[in-house]
Amino acid sequence: MGVAYGMAKSATNRMTETMAHELKEHNISVVTIYPGLVRTESVMKSAEFFDLSNSESTEFIGLAISALATDLNVLKKSGTKQIAAQVALDYGYKDIDGKQPIPLNISSCQ
């Protein structure tokens, strides 16, 4: 991971935490959702260079947003980072192609 990318991700995480703190009294939840490898047009043009076995459709992150937006207890997750594939597991849905992407995190990549 490049330094600039890491700094941007860190800034997004901090902004999420701060906004969640500020908006809690208004019952507004703020979460950051990170996708895995998304099958965008650019990725698909270079598909020969990627292992797409755990990739996600472009619609998958929208399903994560929908699941969180309809959760009556989402305020408990406010200020957190969510991985789209973990959200799918937590809420019991799959990608539009029927596959279940595996959330990539430190423990799953060791």
Protein backbone atom coordinates (compact mmCIF):
# COMPACT_ATOMS: atom_id res chain seq x y z
CA MET A 1 0.00 0.00 0.00
CA GLY A 2 1.39 3.38 -0.97
CA VAL A 3 1.86 6.08 1.64
CA ALA A 4 -0.67 8.42 0.00
CA TYR A 5 -3.28 5.65 -0.18
CA GLY A 6 -2.70 4.73 3.47
CA MET A 7 -2.98 8.37 4.53
CA ALA A 8 -6.21 8.85 2.57
CA LYS A 9 -7.71 5.70 4.08
CA SER A 10 -6.65 6.80 7.56
CA ALA A 11 -8.19 10.24 6.99
CA THR A 12 -11.46 8.65 5.85
CA ASN A 13 -11.53 6.42 8.92
CA ARG A 14 -10.90 9.37 11.23
CA MET A 15 -13.55 11.47 9.49
CA THR A 16 -16.04 8.62 9.96
CA GLU A 17 -15.27 8.41 13.68
CA THR A 18 -15.53 12.18 14.14
CA MET A 19 -18.77 12.53 12.16
CA ALA A 20 -20.30 9.60 14.04
CA HIS A 21 -19.47 11.29 17.34
CA GLU A 22 -20.93 14.63 16.22
CA LEU A 23 -24.11 13.13 14.72
CA LYS A 24 -24.92 10.54 17.39
CA GLU A 25 -27.20 12.94 19.29
CA HIS A 26 -29.26 13.27 16.09
CA ASN A 27 -29.53 9.46 15.69
CA ILE A 28 -27.52 9.58 12.46
CA SER A 29 -25.15 6.69 11.78
CA VAL A 30 -21.92 7.13 9.84
CA VAL A 31 -19.92 4.14 8.57
CA THR A 32 -17.14 3.61 6.07
CA ILE A 33 -17.62 0.67 3.71
CA TYR A 34 -14.61 -0.79 1.94
CA PRO A 35 -15.06 -3.03 -1.10
CA GLY A 36 -12.81 -5.88 -2.12
CA LEU A 37 -11.65 -6.30 -5.72
CA VAL A 38 -14.50 -4.88 -7.80
CA ARG A 39 -15.09 -6.05 -11.35
CA THR A 40 -15.07 -2.58 -12.89
CA GLU A 41 -14.53 -2.04 -16.60
CA SER A 42 -10.86 -1.26 -15.97
CA VAL A 43 -10.34 -4.39 -13.89
CA MET A 44 -12.06 -6.53 -16.50
CA LYS A 45 -9.86 -5.10 -19.28
CA SER A 46 -6.88 -6.42 -17.32
CA ALA A 47 -8.57 -9.57 -16.01
CA GLU A 48 -5.68 -11.78 -17.11
CA PHE A 49 -3.53 -10.12 -14.42
CA PHE A 50 -6.02 -10.53 -11.55
CA ASP A 51 -7.32 -13.45 -9.55
CA LEU A 52 -11.03 -12.70 -9.83
CA SER A 53 -12.15 -15.71 -7.78
CA ASN A 54 -13.00 -13.49 -4.80
CA SER A 55 -14.03 -10.38 -6.72
CA GLU A 56 -17.24 -8.41 -6.30
CA SER A 57 -19.74 -7.02 -8.79
CA THR A 58 -20.15 -3.26 -8.99
CA GLU A 59 -23.60 -3.72 -7.42
CA PHE A 60 -22.26 -5.56 -4.37
CA ILE A 61 -21.34 -2.44 -2.39
CA GLY A 62 -24.81 -1.08 -3.06
CA LEU A 63 -26.25 -4.20 -1.43
CA ALA A 64 -24.06 -3.49 1.60
CA ILE A 65 -25.31 0.09 1.78
CA SER A 66 -28.90 -1.11 1.49
CA ALA A 67 -28.44 -3.71 4.24
CA LEU A 68 -26.96 -1.16 6.62
CA ALA A 69 -29.51 1.53 5.73
CA THR A 70 -32.42 -0.77 6.58
CA ASP A 71 -30.92 -2.06 9.84
CA LEU A 72 -32.88 -0.55 12.72
CA ASN A 73 -29.83 -1.04 14.97
CA VAL A 74 -27.24 0.47 12.62
CA LEU A 75 -26.45 3.22 15.13
CA LYS A 76 -24.48 0.57 17.05
CA LYS A 77 -22.11 0.39 14.05
CA SER A 78 -21.70 4.14 13.74
CA GLY A 79 -18.09 5.25 13.54
CA THR A 80 -16.86 1.86 12.31
CA LYS A 81 -15.17 0.54 9.21
CA GLN A 82 -17.12 -2.17 7.41
CA ILE A 83 -15.84 -4.56 4.74
CA ALA A 84 -18.54 -5.14 2.11
CA ALA A 85 -18.00 -8.93 2.09
CA GLN A 86 -18.33 -9.07 5.90
CA VAL A 87 -21.51 -7.00 5.74
CA ALA A 88 -22.89 -9.60 3.30
CA LEU A 89 -22.06 -12.40 5.72
CA ASP A 90 -23.51 -10.50 8.66
CA TYR A 91 -26.79 -9.74 6.86
CA GLY A 92 -27.07 -13.01 4.94
CA TYR A 93 -26.95 -12.05 1.28
CA LYS A 94 -24.74 -12.90 -1.69
CA ASP A 95 -23.48 -11.02 -4.71
CA ILE A 96 -25.76 -10.73 -7.73
CA ASP A 97 -23.96 -13.66 -9.39
CA GLY A 98 -24.75 -15.90 -6.40
CA LYS A 99 -21.18 -15.93 -5.09
CA GLN A 100 -20.21 -15.15 -1.49
CA PRO A 101 -17.05 -13.01 -1.47
CA ILE A 102 -14.75 -13.66 1.46
CA PRO A 103 -13.82 -10.58 3.52
CA LEU A 104 -10.11 -9.89 3.28
CA ASN A 105 -8.50 -8.79 6.51
CA ILE A 106 -5.26 -9.49 8.33
CA SER A 107 -6.39 -12.79 9.81
CA SER A 108 -7.76 -14.15 6.50
CA CYS A 109 -4.60 -13.22 4.58
CA GLN A 110 -2.05 -14.93 6.84
